[in-house]
Amino acid sequence: MNPSTNPTAHDLRGSPDTGAGRHWWRKLRPYDFYDHQLPEPVGPCCKPDGW
């Protein structure tokens, strides 16, 4: 995962046939994170105000 807008360093790039193969790449969008948040609350833990 590359959280910045900069391209991934060449030495860190892979190819679909590296290792076990059949890898995939895609850019993660904000909704990928927002749509997969834990429910409120989780056990004794609550989200901070404004989350």
Protein backbone atom coordinates (compact mmCIF):
# COMPACT_ATOMS: atom_id res chain seq x y z
CA MET A 1 0.00 0.00 0.00
CA ASN A 2 1.32 3.40 -0.96
CA PRO A 3 -0.59 6.07 1.03
CA SER A 4 0.94 8.99 -0.88
CA THR A 5 0.16 10.38 -4.30
CA ASN A 6 3.77 9.75 -5.34
CA PRO A 7 4.47 6.72 -7.51
CA THR A 8 5.75 3.60 -5.78
CA ALA A 9 9.54 3.28 -5.83
CA HIS A 10 10.72 1.10 -8.70
CA ASP A 11 12.35 -1.48 -6.42
CA LEU A 12 9.07 -1.89 -4.49
CA ARG A 13 6.90 -2.47 -7.54
CA GLY A 14 5.79 -5.96 -8.33
CA SER A 15 4.33 -7.73 -11.28
CA PRO A 16 1.26 -9.97 -11.50
CA ASP A 17 3.41 -13.06 -11.97
CA THR A 18 5.85 -12.45 -9.07
CA GLY A 19 5.92 -15.08 -6.31
CA ALA A 20 2.72 -17.10 -6.13
CA GLY A 21 1.36 -14.92 -8.93
CA ARG A 22 -2.11 -13.62 -9.75
CA HIS A 23 -1.62 -10.42 -7.72
CA TRP A 24 -3.74 -7.33 -8.39
CA TRP A 25 -3.30 -3.62 -7.91
CA ARG A 26 -5.80 -0.83 -7.58
CA LYS A 27 -5.89 2.66 -6.12
CA LEU A 28 -7.76 2.82 -2.84
CA ARG A 29 -10.30 5.63 -2.69
CA PRO A 30 -11.67 7.38 0.42
CA TYR A 31 -14.87 5.32 0.30
CA ASP A 32 -12.77 2.13 0.57
CA PHE A 33 -11.95 3.28 4.11
CA TYR A 34 -15.18 5.07 5.05
CA ASP A 35 -17.39 2.18 3.95
CA HIS A 36 -15.42 -0.33 6.02
CA GLN A 37 -15.25 1.29 9.45
CA LEU A 38 -15.96 -0.70 12.58
CA PRO A 39 -19.39 -0.17 14.16
CA GLU A 40 -19.82 2.27 17.03
CA PRO A 41 -19.01 1.22 19.76
CA VAL A 42 -16.67 -1.76 19.62
CA GLY A 43 -16.56 -3.24 23.10
CA PRO A 44 -15.47 -0.48 25.49
CA CYS A 45 -13.93 1.61 22.66
CA CYS A 46 -15.72 4.56 21.04
CA LYS A 47 -14.77 6.77 18.11
CA PRO A 48 -13.42 10.22 19.01
CA ASP A 49 -15.76 13.20 18.67
CA GLY A 50 -15.96 14.39 15.07
CA TRP A 51 -14.83 11.07 13.61
